[in-house]
PDB file of N, CA and C in Angstrom:
ATOM      1  N   MET A   1     107.722  47.989  96.798  1.00  0.00           N
ATOM      2  CA  MET A   1     108.652  46.956  96.310  1.00  0.00           C
ATOM      3  C   MET A   1     109.227  46.156  97.502  1.00  0.00           C
ATOM      4  N   LYS A   2     109.387  46.794  98.631  1.00  0.00           N
ATOM      5  CA  LYS A   2     109.948  46.102  99.799  1.00  0.00           C
ATOM      6  C   LYS A   2     108.989  45.035 100.283  1.00  0.00           C
ATOM      7  N   SER A   3     107.711  45.287 100.291  1.00  0.00           N
ATOM      8  CA  SER A   3     106.767  44.265 100.785  1.00  0.00           C
ATOM      9  C   SER A   3     106.804  43.021  99.933  1.00  0.00           C
ATOM     10  N   ASN A   4     107.028  43.194  98.609  1.00  0.00           N
ATOM     11  CA  ASN A   4     107.111  42.000  97.747  1.00  0.00           C
ATOM     12  C   ASN A   4     108.350  41.187  98.097  1.00  0.00           C
ATOM     13  N   LYS A   5     109.423  41.821  98.403  1.00  0.00           N
ATOM     14  CA  LYS A   5     110.650  41.108  98.804  1.00  0.00           C
ATOM     15  C   LYS A   5     110.411  40.417 100.143  1.00  0.00           C
ATOM     16  N   ASP A   6     109.721  41.114 101.056  1.00  0.00           N
ATOM     17  CA  ASP A   6     109.439  40.478 102.377  1.00  0.00           C
ATOM     18  C   ASP A   6     108.520  39.252 102.204  1.00  0.00           C
ATOM     19  N   ALA A   7     107.565  39.291 101.347  1.00  0.00           N
ATOM     20  CA  ALA A   7     106.714  38.162 101.134  1.00  0.00           C
ATOM     21  C   ALA A   7     107.489  36.999 100.596  1.00  0.00           C
ATOM     22  N   ILE A   8     108.396  37.214  99.637  1.00  0.00           N
ATOM     23  CA  ILE A   8     109.222  36.168  99.056  1.00  0.00           C
ATOM     24  C   ILE A   8     110.095  35.514 100.133  1.00  0.00           C
ATOM     25  N   ILE A   9     110.738  36.364 100.979  1.00  0.00           N
ATOM     26  CA  ILE A   9     111.581  35.805 102.013  1.00  0.00           C
ATOM     27  C   ILE A   9     110.768  35.027 103.030  1.00  0.00           C
ATOM     28  N   PHE A  10     109.586  35.493 103.371  1.00  0.00           N
ATOM     29  CA  PHE A  10     108.690  34.809 104.266  1.00  0.00           C
ATOM     30  C   PHE A  10     108.343  33.404 103.720  1.00  0.00           C
ATOM     31  N   LEU A  11     107.965  33.360 102.416  1.00  0.00           N
ATOM     32  CA  LEU A  11     107.710  32.092 101.770  1.00  0.00           C
ATOM     33  C   LEU A  11     108.884  31.151 101.759  1.00  0.00           C
ATOM     34  N   LEU A  12     110.100  31.748 101.570  1.00  0.00           N
ATOM     35  CA  LEU A  12     111.324  30.885 101.589  1.00  0.00           C
ATOM     36  C   LEU A  12     111.534  30.278 102.986  1.00  0.00           C
ATOM     37  N   PHE A  13     111.269  31.070 104.030  1.00  0.00           N
ATOM     38  CA  PHE A  13     111.392  30.514 105.375  1.00  0.00           C
ATOM     39  C   PHE A  13     110.416  29.369 105.599  1.00  0.00           C
ATOM     40  N   ILE A  14     109.179  29.523 105.100  1.00  0.00           N
ATOM     41  CA  ILE A  14     108.171  28.518 105.231  1.00  0.00           C
ATOM     42  C   ILE A  14     108.584  27.230 104.473  1.00  0.00           C
ATOM     43  N   ILE A  15     109.010  27.381 103.201  1.00  0.00           N
ATOM     44  CA  ILE A  15     109.382  26.253 102.422  1.00  0.00           C
ATOM     45  C   ILE A  15     110.630  25.509 102.972  1.00  0.00           C
ATOM     46  N   ILE A  16     111.606  26.281 103.357  1.00  0.00           N
ATOM     47  CA  ILE A  16     112.780  25.640 103.974  1.00  0.00           C
ATOM     48  C   ILE A  16     112.442  24.984 105.296  1.00  0.00           C
ATOM     49  N   GLY A  17     111.597  25.590 106.065  1.00  0.00           N
ATOM     50  CA  GLY A  17     111.122  24.966 107.349  1.00  0.00           C
ATOM     51  C   GLY A  17     110.419  23.648 107.057  1.00  0.00           C
ATOM     52  N   ALA A  18     109.586  23.602 106.024  1.00  0.00           N
ATOM     53  CA  ALA A  18     108.842  22.384 105.651  1.00  0.00           C
ATOM     54  C   ALA A  18     109.794  21.282 105.214  1.00  0.00           C
ATOM     55  N   ILE A  19     110.774  21.677 104.449  1.00  0.00           N
ATOM     56  CA  ILE A  19     111.767  20.700 103.948  1.00  0.00           C
ATOM     57  C   ILE A  19     112.575  20.159 105.098  1.00  0.00           C
ATOM     58  N   VAL A  20     113.100  21.047 105.935  1.00  0.00           N
ATOM     59  CA  VAL A  20     113.873  20.604 107.083  1.00  0.00           C
ATOM     60  C   VAL A  20     113.029  19.748 108.027  1.00  0.00           C
ATOM     61  N   GLY A  21     111.864  20.132 108.333  1.00  0.00           N
ATOM     62  CA  GLY A  21     110.974  19.393 109.193  1.00  0.00           C
ATOM     63  C   GLY A  21     110.680  17.950 108.672  1.00  0.00           C
ATOM     64  N   THR A  22     110.449  17.894 107.361  1.00  0.00           N
ATOM     65  CA  THR A  22     110.238  16.529 106.759  1.00  0.00           C
ATOM     66  C   THR A  22     111.525  15.724 106.835  1.00  0.00           C
ATOM     67  N   GLY A  23     112.676  16.358 106.560  1.00  0.00           N
ATOM     68  CA  GLY A  23     113.921  15.633 106.645  1.00  0.00           C
ATOM     69  C   GLY A  23     114.198  15.147 108.043  1.00  0.00           C
ATOM     70  N   VAL A  24     114.023  15.948 109.015  1.00  0.00           N
ATOM     71  CA  VAL A  24     114.221  15.510 110.383  1.00  0.00           C
ATOM     72  C   VAL A  24     113.284  14.330 110.805  1.00  0.00           C
ATOM     73  N   GLY A  25     112.037  14.450 110.356  1.00  0.00           N
ATOM     74  CA  GLY A  25     111.091  13.343 110.610  1.00  0.00           C
ATOM     75  C   GLY A  25     111.544  12.072 109.968  1.00  0.00           C
ATOM     76  N   GLU A  26     111.985  12.125 108.740  1.00  0.00           N
ATOM     77  CA  GLU A  26     112.461  10.873 108.040  1.00  0.00           C
ATOM     78  C   GLU A  26     113.712  10.372 108.742  1.00  0.00           C
ATOM     79  N   PHE A  27     114.576  11.272 109.215  1.00  0.00           N
ATOM     80  CA  PHE A  27     115.752  10.853 109.905  1.00  0.00           C
ATOM     81  C   PHE A  27     115.384  10.098 111.231  1.00  0.00           C
ATOM     82  N   LEU A  28     114.369  10.619 111.954  1.00  0.00           N
ATOM     83  CA  LEU A  28     113.979  10.029 113.201  1.00  0.00           C
ATOM     84  C   LEU A  28     113.421   8.618 113.038  1.00  0.00           C
ATOM     85  N   THR A  29     112.869   8.307 111.858  1.00  0.00           N
ATOM     86  CA  THR A  29     112.355   6.984 111.621  1.00  0.00           C
ATOM     87  C   THR A  29     113.448   5.954 111.511  1.00  0.00           C
ATOM     88  N   THR A  30     114.666   6.395 111.286  1.00  0.00           N
ATOM     89  CA  THR A  30     115.822   5.407 111.206  1.00  0.00           C
ATOM     90  C   THR A  30     116.370   5.077 112.528  1.00  0.00           C
ATOM     91  N   ILE A  31     116.015   5.759 113.583  1.00  0.00           N
ATOM     92  CA  ILE A  31     116.518   5.458 114.943  1.00  0.00           C
ATOM     93  C   ILE A  31     115.578   4.417 115.539  1.00  0.00           C
ATOM     94  N   PRO A  32     116.075   3.260 115.869  1.00  0.00           N
ATOM     95  CA  PRO A  32     115.186   2.110 116.278  1.00  0.00           C
ATOM     96  C   PRO A  32     114.454   2.444 117.590  1.00  0.00           C
ATOM     97  N   SER A  33     115.030   3.158 118.557  1.00  0.00           N
ATOM     98  CA  SER A  33     114.407   3.344 119.805  1.00  0.00           C
ATOM     99  C   SER A  33     113.209   4.258 119.721  1.00  0.00           C
ATOM    100  N   ILE A  34     113.084   5.125 118.732  1.00  0.00           N
ATOM    101  CA  ILE A  34     111.959   6.049 118.662  1.00  0.00           C
ATOM    102  C   ILE A  34     111.254   5.900 117.296  1.00  0.00           C
ATOM    103  N   SER A  35     111.482   4.850 116.608  1.00  0.00           N
ATOM    104  CA  SER A  35     110.910   4.695 115.275  1.00  0.00           C
ATOM    105  C   SER A  35     109.363   4.561 115.306  1.00  0.00           C
ATOM    106  N   GLU A  36     108.845   3.976 116.422  1.00  0.00           N
ATOM    107  CA  GLU A  36     107.407   3.845 116.510  1.00  0.00           C
ATOM    108  C   GLU A  36     106.661   5.207 116.627  1.00  0.00           C
ATOM    109  N   ILE A  37     107.269   6.079 117.468  1.00  0.00           N
ATOM    110  CA  ILE A  37     106.671   7.423 117.623  1.00  0.00           C
ATOM    111  C   ILE A  37     106.974   8.246 116.350  1.00  0.00           C
ATOM    112  N   ALA A  38     108.113   8.081 115.758  1.00  0.00           N
ATOM    113  CA  ALA A  38     108.480   8.858 114.522  1.00  0.00           C
ATOM    114  C   ALA A  38     107.583   8.413 113.359  1.00  0.00           C
ATOM    115  N   SER A  39     107.171   7.181 113.302  1.00  0.00           N
ATOM    116  CA  SER A  39     106.281   6.787 112.228  1.00  0.00           C
ATOM    117  C   SER A  39     104.955   7.499 112.288  1.00  0.00           C
ATOM    118  N   PHE A  40     104.507   7.860 113.482  1.00  0.00           N
ATOM    119  CA  PHE A  40     103.311   8.633 113.620  1.00  0.00           C
ATOM    120  C   PHE A  40     103.547  10.106 113.185  1.00  0.00           C
ATOM    121  N   LEU A  41     104.738  10.584 113.455  1.00  0.00           N
ATOM    122  CA  LEU A  41     105.066  11.990 113.119  1.00  0.00           C
ATOM    123  C   LEU A  41     105.229  12.205 111.624  1.00  0.00           C
ATOM    124  N   VAL A  42     105.578  11.166 110.880  1.00  0.00           N
ATOM    125  CA  VAL A  42     105.811  11.343 109.472  1.00  0.00           C
ATOM    126  C   VAL A  42     104.619  10.774 108.604  1.00  0.00           C
ATOM    127  N   LYS A  43     103.582  10.391 109.276  1.00  0.00           N
ATOM    128  CA  LYS A  43     102.385   9.905 108.503  1.00  0.00           C
ATOM    129  C   LYS A  43     101.800  11.088 107.751  1.00  0.00           C
ATOM    130  N   LYS A  44     101.559  10.840 106.476  1.00  0.00           N
ATOM    131  CA  LYS A  44     101.064  11.949 105.567  1.00  0.00           C
ATOM    132  C   LYS A  44      99.585  12.016 105.598  1.00  0.00           C
ATOM    133  N   TYR A  45      99.062  13.252 105.638  1.00  0.00           N
ATOM    134  CA  TYR A  45      97.644  13.537 105.640  1.00  0.00           C
ATOM    135  C   TYR A  45      97.306  14.297 104.400  1.00  0.00           C
ATOM    136  N   LEU A  46      96.387  13.754 103.601  1.00  0.00           N
ATOM    137  CA  LEU A  46      95.997  14.379 102.392  1.00  0.00           C
ATOM    138  C   LEU A  46      95.106  15.596 102.650  1.00  0.00           C
ATOM    139  N   ILE A  47      95.533  16.766 102.175  1.00  0.00           N
ATOM    140  CA  ILE A  47      94.827  18.011 102.375  1.00  0.00           C
ATOM    141  C   ILE A  47      94.190  18.474 101.050  1.00  0.00           C
ATOM    142  N   LEU A  48      94.991  18.420 100.004  1.00  0.00           N
ATOM    143  CA  LEU A  48      94.524  18.857  98.703  1.00  0.00           C
ATOM    144  C   LEU A  48      95.051  17.960  97.640  1.00  0.00           C
ATOM    145  N   SER A  49      94.212  17.585  96.691  1.00  0.00           N
ATOM    146  CA  SER A  49      94.640  16.762  95.579  1.00  0.00           C
ATOM    147  C   SER A  49      93.893  17.215  94.296  1.00  0.00           C
ATOM    148  N   VAL A  50      94.712  17.570  93.347  1.00  0.00           N
ATOM    149  CA  VAL A  50      94.223  17.988  92.020  1.00  0.00           C
ATOM    150  C   VAL A  50      94.649  16.877  91.084  1.00  0.00           C
ATOM    151  N   PRO A  51      93.754  16.098  90.500  1.00  0.00           N
ATOM    152  CA  PRO A  51      94.197  14.984  89.670  1.00  0.00           C
ATOM    153  C   PRO A  51      94.929  15.476  88.424  1.00  0.00           C
ATOM    154  N   PRO A  52      95.816  14.654  87.874  1.00  0.00           N
ATOM    155  CA  PRO A  52      96.617  15.022  86.724  1.00  0.00           C
ATOM    156  C   PRO A  52      95.744  15.338  85.524  1.00  0.00           C
ATOM    157  N   VAL A  53      96.087  16.396  84.811  1.00  0.00           N
ATOM    158  CA  VAL A  53      95.460  16.778  83.592  1.00  0.00           C
ATOM    159  C   VAL A  53      96.456  16.747  82.494  1.00  0.00           C
ATOM    160  N   THR A  54      96.101  16.099  81.373  1.00  0.00           N
ATOM    161  CA  THR A  54      97.055  15.949  80.200  1.00  0.00           C
ATOM    162  C   THR A  54      96.629  16.992  79.190  1.00  0.00           C
ATOM    163  N   VAL A  55      97.630  17.825  78.783  1.00  0.00           N
ATOM    164  CA  VAL A  55      97.434  18.781  77.743  1.00  0.00           C
ATOM    165  C   VAL A  55      98.342  18.326  76.567  1.00  0.00           C
ATOM    166  N   ASN A  56      97.672  17.937  75.418  1.00  0.00           N
ATOM    167  CA  ASN A  56      98.398  17.487  74.245  1.00  0.00           C
ATOM    168  C   ASN A  56      98.447  18.561  73.210  1.00  0.00           C
ATOM    169  N   LEU A  57      99.618  19.090  72.975  1.00  0.00           N
ATOM    170  CA  LEU A  57      99.838  20.160  71.954  1.00  0.00           C
ATOM    171  C   LEU A  57     100.442  19.651  70.676  1.00  0.00           C
ATOM    172  N   ILE A  58     100.294  18.394  70.424  1.00  0.00           N
ATOM    173  CA  ILE A  58     100.883  17.629  69.317  1.00  0.00           C
ATOM    174  C   ILE A  58     102.355  17.636  69.254  1.00  0.00           C
ATOM    175  N   VAL A  59     102.961  18.785  69.481  1.00  0.00           N
ATOM    176  CA  VAL A  59     104.468  18.858  69.498  1.00  0.00           C
ATOM    177  C   VAL A  59     104.951  18.383  70.851  1.00  0.00           C
ATOM    178  N   ALA A  60     104.200  18.737  71.928  1.00  0.00           N
ATOM    179  CA  ALA A  60     104.623  18.442  73.271  1.00  0.00           C
ATOM    180  C   ALA A  60     103.344  18.094  74.075  1.00  0.00           C
ATOM    181  N   THR A  61     103.570  17.229  75.082  1.00  0.00           N
ATOM    182  CA  THR A  61     102.454  16.855  75.961  1.00  0.00           C
ATOM    183  C   THR A  61     102.846  17.195  77.417  1.00  0.00           C
ATOM    184  N   PHE A  62     101.968  17.878  78.086  1.00  0.00           N
ATOM    185  CA  PHE A  62     102.218  18.273  79.451  1.00  0.00           C
ATOM    186  C   PHE A  62     101.202  17.524  80.370  1.00  0.00           C
ATOM    187  N   VAL A  63     101.693  17.050  81.479  1.00  0.00           N
ATOM    188  CA  VAL A  63     100.808  16.447  82.485  1.00  0.00           C
ATOM    189  C   VAL A  63     101.015  17.318  83.755  1.00  0.00           C
ATOM    190  N   ILE A  64      99.856  17.892  84.208  1.00  0.00           N
ATOM    191  CA  ILE A  64      99.925  18.846  85.375  1.00  0.00           C
ATOM    192  C   ILE A  64      98.995  18.314  86.415  1.00  0.00           C
ATOM    193  N   GLY A  65      99.497  18.210  87.661  1.00  0.00           N
ATOM    194  CA  GLY A  65      98.702  17.797  88.807  1.00  0.00           C
ATOM    195  C   GLY A  65      99.387  18.345  90.051  1.00  0.00           C
ATOM    196  N   PHE A  66      98.650  18.233  91.196  1.00  0.00           N
ATOM    197  CA  PHE A  66      99.182  18.757  92.404  1.00  0.00           C
ATOM    198  C   PHE A  66      98.552  17.967  93.571  1.00  0.00           C
ATOM    199  N   SER A  67      99.376  17.719  94.618  1.00  0.00           N
ATOM    200  CA  SER A  67      98.919  17.047  95.770  1.00  0.00           C
ATOM    201  C   SER A  67      99.672  17.632  96.990  1.00  0.00           C
ATOM    202  N   LEU A  68      98.928  17.951  98.010  1.00  0.00           N
ATOM    203  CA  LEU A  68      99.512  18.461  99.245  1.00  0.00           C
ATOM    204  C   LEU A  68      99.219  17.462 100.353  1.00  0.00           C
ATOM    205  N   GLN A  69     100.335  16.874 100.846  1.00  0.00           N
ATOM    206  CA  GLN A  69     100.239  15.827 101.875  1.00  0.00           C
ATOM    207  C   GLN A  69     101.284  16.070 102.965  1.00  0.00           C
ATOM    208  N   PRO A  70     101.023  17.035 103.848  1.00  0.00           N
ATOM    209  CA  PRO A  70     102.032  17.301 104.894  1.00  0.00           C
ATOM    210  C   PRO A  70     101.935  16.268 106.011  1.00  0.00           C
ATOM    211  N   SER A  71     103.006  16.155 106.794  1.00  0.00           N
ATOM    212  CA  SER A  71     103.042  15.359 107.986  1.00  0.00           C
ATOM    213  C   SER A  71     103.090  16.304 109.199  1.00  0.00           C
ATOM    214  N   ILE A  72     103.043  15.716 110.340  1.00  0.00           N
ATOM    215  CA  ILE A  72     103.141  16.573 111.564  1.00  0.00           C
ATOM    216  C   ILE A  72     104.514  17.251 111.635  1.00  0.00           C
ATOM    217  N   MET A  73     105.558  16.516 111.269  1.00  0.00           N
ATOM    218  CA  MET A  73     106.890  17.119 111.285  1.00  0.00           C
ATOM    219  C   MET A  73     107.033  18.230 110.281  1.00  0.00           C
ATOM    220  N   THR A  74     106.348  18.088 109.146  1.00  0.00           N
ATOM    221  CA  THR A  74     106.332  19.144 108.146  1.00  0.00           C
ATOM    222  C   THR A  74     105.750  20.441 108.710  1.00  0.00           C
ATOM    223  N   MET A  75     104.587  20.240 109.402  1.00  0.00           N
ATOM    224  CA  MET A  75     103.904  21.380 109.979  1.00  0.00           C
ATOM    225  C   MET A  75     104.734  22.007 111.092  1.00  0.00           C
ATOM    226  N   LEU A  76     105.407  21.170 111.897  1.00  0.00           N
ATOM    227  CA  LEU A  76     106.286  21.698 112.912  1.00  0.00           C
ATOM    228  C   LEU A  76     107.449  22.476 112.291  1.00  0.00           C
ATOM    229  N   GLY A  77     107.943  22.012 111.165  1.00  0.00           N
ATOM    230  CA  GLY A  77     108.995  22.713 110.441  1.00  0.00           C
ATOM    231  C   GLY A  77     108.533  24.036 109.917  1.00  0.00           C
ATOM    232  N   VAL A  78     107.261  24.097 109.406  1.00  0.00           N
ATOM    233  CA  VAL A  78     106.691  25.355 108.902  1.00  0.00           C
ATOM    234  C   VAL A  78     106.589  26.359 110.105  1.00  0.00           C
ATOM    235  N   LEU A  79     106.057  25.844 111.216  1.00  0.00           N
ATOM    236  CA  LEU A  79     105.936  26.727 112.409  1.00  0.00           C
ATOM    237  C   LEU A  79     107.307  27.244 112.897  1.00  0.00           C
ATOM    238  N   PHE A  80     108.311  26.398 112.811  1.00  0.00           N
ATOM    239  CA  PHE A  80     109.648  26.770 113.236  1.00  0.00           C
ATOM    240  C   PHE A  80     110.172  27.852 112.225  1.00  0.00           C
ATOM    241  N   GLY A  81     109.942  27.657 110.956  1.00  0.00           N
ATOM    242  CA  GLY A  81     110.338  28.642 109.917  1.00  0.00           C
ATOM    243  C   GLY A  81     109.680  30.001 110.141  1.00  0.00           C
ATOM    244  N   ILE A  82     108.379  29.973 110.533  1.00  0.00           N
ATOM    245  CA  ILE A  82     107.688  31.226 110.780  1.00  0.00           C
ATOM    246  C   ILE A  82     108.275  31.878 112.034  1.00  0.00           C
ATOM    247  N   PHE A  83     108.572  31.059 113.080  1.00  0.00           N
ATOM    248  CA  PHE A  83     109.197  31.615 114.229  1.00  0.00           C
ATOM    249  C   PHE A  83     110.579  32.214 113.937  1.00  0.00           C
ATOM    250  N   LEU A  84     111.376  31.550 113.139  1.00  0.00           N
ATOM    251  CA  LEU A  84     112.684  32.070 112.805  1.00  0.00           C
ATOM    252  C   LEU A  84     112.558  33.383 112.004  1.00  0.00           C
ATOM    253  N   HIS A  85     111.582  33.455 111.099  1.00  0.00           N
ATOM    254  CA  HIS A  85     111.424  34.664 110.303  1.00  0.00           C
ATOM    255  C   HIS A  85     111.046  35.797 111.227  1.00  0.00           C
ATOM    256  N   ARG A  86     110.119  35.607 112.110  1.00  0.00           N
ATOM    257  CA  ARG A  86     109.701  36.669 113.030  1.00  0.00           C
ATOM    258  C   ARG A  86     110.757  37.103 114.018  1.00  0.00           C
ATOM    259  N   ARG A  87     111.567  36.124 114.377  1.00  0.00           N
ATOM    260  CA  ARG A  87     112.655  36.381 115.385  1.00  0.00           C
ATOM    261  C   ARG A  87     113.830  37.123 114.758  1.00  0.00           C
ATOM    262  N   PHE A  88     114.285  36.735 113.631  1.00  0.00           N
ATOM    263  CA  PHE A  88     115.546  37.218 113.042  1.00  0.00           C
ATOM    264  C   PHE A  88     115.412  38.084 111.811  1.00  0.00           C
ATOM    265  N   TYR A  89     114.236  38.212 111.233  1.00  0.00           N
ATOM    266  CA  TYR A  89     114.168  39.015 110.017  1.00  0.00           C
ATOM    267  C   TYR A  89     113.307  40.236 110.256  1.00  0.00           C
TER     268      TYR A  89
END
């Protein structure tokens, strides 16, 4: 049971790291002196794309799709989240 909890906490560190990394990258684009470099850091790269599929159940309709487009700052945030997990947990 403990390994299941550890895996969930590890995934939380990765997800929070990705969110923080993306946020920091977007913030850096607002600073005029480094916006040119920051625009490179927040450029999105398509890794995985599952086109939307519509499921019509007459009563309800669901549209399900998925796209993974991380930026360099997102990946740095993920690496930082992994580092923090290994360091403090």
